Every structure is written in C-alpha cells, then in structure tokens.
Amino acid sequence: MIARLLAALGFSASGVGLTVYGMATSMSSRNDSMANIGLALLFGGLIAGIIGVAIYRADEKRAMRSHDS
C-alpha cells in the first residue's frame, strides 16, 4: 500500500516541480526561491517515485514466489 502511494505522490510531485521550475525561469526576472522549490519538488518527487516503484516490484516478486511454492 505504501509503495503505491509513494510512487503516485512522488511522480505527481515531480511533475508539479517541473511546472513550478518552468514558471520560475520564464519570468522576466528569474525568481530564485521559486526555482529552488521547483527543483526540490522535481528531484525529491522523482526519487520518491523510483523508491516506491522499487518497493512495489520487490513486494510483487516476493508474493509471486510465495504463491508458486
């Protein structure tokens, strides 16, 4: 359950981070605090999403092994 939630929220946060970073860099004067928040969301969400997928796949593989035995 936590793996699905982590993957879903992580990749969603990554998308929001990319949008916020794009908004920060497209302004006439670059907004550094907004860019930093966008980068933090982008990379933090990407890492959380990858960890969530890895946990989910490990749980799924373990469940298949116990089902086959």
N, C-alpha and C. Protein backbone atom coordinates (compact mmCIF):
# COMPACT_ATOMS: atom_id res chain seq x y z
N MET A 1 0.82 -1.19 0.00
CA MET A 1 0.00 0.00 0.00
C MET A 1 0.87 1.27 0.00
N ILE A 2 1.86 1.30 0.89
CA ILE A 2 2.71 2.50 0.97
C ILE A 2 3.52 2.66 -0.31
N ALA A 3 3.86 1.57 -0.96
CA ALA A 3 4.65 1.66 -2.19
C ALA A 3 3.85 2.34 -3.30
N ARG A 4 2.61 1.97 -3.45
CA ARG A 4 1.76 2.60 -4.46
C ARG A 4 1.57 4.09 -4.18
N LEU A 5 1.33 4.40 -2.92
CA LEU A 5 1.14 5.78 -2.52
C LEU A 5 2.40 6.60 -2.75
N LEU A 6 3.55 6.04 -2.40
CA LEU A 6 4.82 6.73 -2.59
C LEU A 6 5.10 6.97 -4.07
N ALA A 7 4.84 5.97 -4.89
CA ALA A 7 5.07 6.13 -6.33
C ALA A 7 4.11 7.17 -6.93
N ALA A 8 2.85 7.10 -6.57
CA ALA A 8 1.87 8.03 -7.13
C ALA A 8 2.15 9.48 -6.71
N LEU A 9 2.39 9.69 -5.43
CA LEU A 9 2.64 11.05 -4.96
C LEU A 9 4.01 11.55 -5.40
N GLY A 10 4.98 10.66 -5.48
CA GLY A 10 6.32 11.07 -5.89
C GLY A 10 6.35 11.57 -7.32
N PHE A 11 5.78 10.81 -8.24
CA PHE A 11 5.79 11.24 -9.64
C PHE A 11 4.89 12.44 -9.87
N SER A 12 3.82 12.56 -9.10
CA SER A 12 2.98 13.76 -9.21
C SER A 12 3.73 15.00 -8.73
N ALA A 13 4.44 14.87 -7.62
CA ALA A 13 5.23 15.99 -7.11
C ALA A 13 6.33 16.37 -8.09
N SER A 14 6.88 15.38 -8.76
CA SER A 14 7.92 15.66 -9.76
C SER A 14 7.35 16.48 -10.91
N GLY A 15 6.17 16.15 -11.36
CA GLY A 15 5.53 16.92 -12.42
C GLY A 15 5.21 18.34 -12.00
N VAL A 16 4.75 18.50 -10.77
CA VAL A 16 4.48 19.84 -10.25
C VAL A 16 5.77 20.63 -10.13
N GLY A 17 6.84 19.97 -9.70
CA GLY A 17 8.13 20.63 -9.59
C GLY A 17 8.64 21.12 -10.93
N LEU A 18 8.45 20.33 -11.96
CA LEU A 18 8.87 20.75 -13.30
C LEU A 18 8.07 21.97 -13.76
N THR A 19 6.79 21.98 -13.46
CA THR A 19 5.95 23.12 -13.83
C THR A 19 6.36 24.38 -13.07
N VAL A 20 6.58 24.24 -11.77
CA VAL A 20 6.98 25.40 -10.96
C VAL A 20 8.34 25.92 -11.41
N TYR A 21 9.27 25.03 -11.71
CA TYR A 21 10.59 25.45 -12.18
C TYR A 21 10.47 26.18 -13.53
N GLY A 22 9.63 25.67 -14.40
CA GLY A 22 9.41 26.33 -15.69
C GLY A 22 8.80 27.71 -15.53
N MET A 23 7.88 27.85 -14.59
CA MET A 23 7.28 29.16 -14.32
C MET A 23 8.31 30.12 -13.76
N ALA A 24 9.18 29.62 -12.90
CA ALA A 24 10.19 30.49 -12.27
C ALA A 24 11.22 30.99 -13.28
N THR A 25 11.57 30.15 -14.24
CA THR A 25 12.60 30.55 -15.19
C THR A 25 12.03 31.34 -16.37
N SER A 26 10.73 31.32 -16.57
CA SER A 26 10.16 32.03 -17.71
C SER A 26 9.74 33.46 -17.38
N MET A 27 9.87 33.85 -16.14
CA MET A 27 9.53 35.22 -15.76
C MET A 27 10.59 36.18 -16.30
N SER A 28 10.23 37.46 -16.40
CA SER A 28 11.18 38.45 -16.92
C SER A 28 12.41 38.56 -16.02
N SER A 29 12.21 38.48 -14.70
CA SER A 29 13.34 38.37 -13.77
C SER A 29 13.19 37.04 -13.05
N ARG A 30 14.23 36.24 -13.11
CA ARG A 30 14.16 34.87 -12.56
C ARG A 30 13.90 34.92 -11.06
N ASN A 31 12.95 34.13 -10.62
CA ASN A 31 12.60 34.02 -9.21
C ASN A 31 13.37 32.84 -8.62
N ASP A 32 14.45 33.12 -7.88
CA ASP A 32 15.33 32.06 -7.39
C ASP A 32 14.67 31.17 -6.34
N SER A 33 13.87 31.74 -5.46
CA SER A 33 13.23 30.91 -4.43
C SER A 33 12.22 29.96 -5.06
N MET A 34 11.49 30.43 -6.04
CA MET A 34 10.54 29.57 -6.74
C MET A 34 11.26 28.48 -7.54
N ALA A 35 12.40 28.82 -8.13
CA ALA A 35 13.18 27.84 -8.87
C ALA A 35 13.73 26.77 -7.93
N ASN A 36 14.17 27.17 -6.74
CA ASN A 36 14.68 26.20 -5.78
C ASN A 36 13.59 25.25 -5.29
N ILE A 37 12.41 25.80 -5.05
CA ILE A 37 11.28 24.96 -4.64
C ILE A 37 10.92 23.99 -5.76
N GLY A 38 10.92 24.48 -6.99
CA GLY A 38 10.61 23.62 -8.13
C GLY A 38 11.62 22.50 -8.30
N LEU A 39 12.90 22.82 -8.15
CA LEU A 39 13.93 21.78 -8.26
C LEU A 39 13.84 20.76 -7.13
N ALA A 40 13.54 21.24 -5.92
CA ALA A 40 13.39 20.32 -4.79
C ALA A 40 12.22 19.36 -5.01
N LEU A 41 11.10 19.90 -5.49
CA LEU A 41 9.95 19.05 -5.79
C LEU A 41 10.25 18.09 -6.93
N LEU A 42 10.94 18.57 -7.94
CA LEU A 42 11.25 17.75 -9.11
C LEU A 42 12.11 16.56 -8.72
N PHE A 43 13.24 16.82 -8.08
CA PHE A 43 14.15 15.73 -7.77
C PHE A 43 13.69 14.89 -6.57
N GLY A 44 13.09 15.53 -5.58
CA GLY A 44 12.55 14.78 -4.45
C GLY A 44 11.42 13.85 -4.86
N GLY A 45 10.55 14.35 -5.71
CA GLY A 45 9.45 13.52 -6.20
C GLY A 45 9.93 12.39 -7.09
N LEU A 46 10.94 12.67 -7.90
CA LEU A 46 11.50 11.62 -8.76
C LEU A 46 12.12 10.51 -7.93
N ILE A 47 12.87 10.87 -6.91
CA ILE A 47 13.49 9.87 -6.04
C ILE A 47 12.43 9.08 -5.28
N ALA A 48 11.43 9.77 -4.75
CA ALA A 48 10.35 9.08 -4.02
C ALA A 48 9.58 8.14 -4.95
N GLY A 49 9.33 8.56 -6.17
CA GLY A 49 8.62 7.70 -7.12
C GLY A 49 9.41 6.46 -7.48
N ILE A 50 10.70 6.62 -7.70
CA ILE A 50 11.54 5.46 -8.04
C ILE A 50 11.62 4.50 -6.86
N ILE A 51 11.75 5.03 -5.65
CA ILE A 51 11.77 4.16 -4.46
C ILE A 51 10.44 3.42 -4.32
N GLY A 52 9.33 4.12 -4.54
CA GLY A 52 8.02 3.48 -4.45
C GLY A 52 7.85 2.36 -5.46
N VAL A 53 8.31 2.58 -6.69
CA VAL A 53 8.22 1.53 -7.71
C VAL A 53 9.10 0.34 -7.34
N ALA A 54 10.30 0.61 -6.82
CA ALA A 54 11.20 -0.48 -6.43
C ALA A 54 10.60 -1.31 -5.30
N ILE A 55 10.01 -0.65 -4.31
CA ILE A 55 9.38 -1.37 -3.20
C ILE A 55 8.20 -2.19 -3.71
N TYR A 56 7.40 -1.62 -4.58
CA TYR A 56 6.24 -2.32 -5.13
C TYR A 56 6.67 -3.56 -5.90
N ARG A 57 7.69 -3.41 -6.73
CA ARG A 57 8.16 -4.56 -7.52
C ARG A 57 8.74 -5.65 -6.63
N ALA A 58 9.44 -5.27 -5.56
CA ALA A 58 10.00 -6.26 -4.64
C ALA A 58 8.88 -7.01 -3.92
N ASP A 59 7.85 -6.29 -3.49
CA ASP A 59 6.71 -6.94 -2.83
C ASP A 59 5.98 -7.87 -3.78
N GLU A 60 5.83 -7.41 -5.02
CA GLU A 60 5.13 -8.22 -6.02
C GLU A 60 5.91 -9.50 -6.33
N LYS A 61 7.22 -9.38 -6.45
CA LYS A 61 8.07 -10.55 -6.73
C LYS A 61 8.04 -11.52 -5.57
N ARG A 62 8.06 -11.02 -4.33
CA ARG A 62 8.00 -11.88 -3.15
C ARG A 62 6.66 -12.59 -3.08
N ALA A 63 5.59 -11.90 -3.42
CA ALA A 63 4.26 -12.51 -3.40
C ALA A 63 4.13 -13.61 -4.45
N MET A 64 4.74 -13.40 -5.62
CA MET A 64 4.69 -14.43 -6.67
C MET A 64 5.48 -15.66 -6.26
N ARG A 65 6.63 -15.49 -5.59
CA ARG A 65 7.40 -16.63 -5.14
C ARG A 65 6.66 -17.42 -4.07
N SER A 66 5.99 -16.75 -3.15
CA SER A 66 5.26 -17.46 -2.11
C SER A 66 4.01 -18.13 -2.68
N HIS A 67 3.44 -17.58 -3.74
CA HIS A 67 2.27 -18.17 -4.39
C HIS A 67 2.65 -19.43 -5.16
N ASP A 68 3.84 -19.43 -5.78
CA ASP A 68 4.28 -20.58 -6.56
C ASP A 68 4.68 -21.76 -5.68
N SER A 69 5.10 -21.52 -4.46
CA SER A 69 5.58 -22.60 -3.59
C SER A 69 4.46 -23.41 -3.01
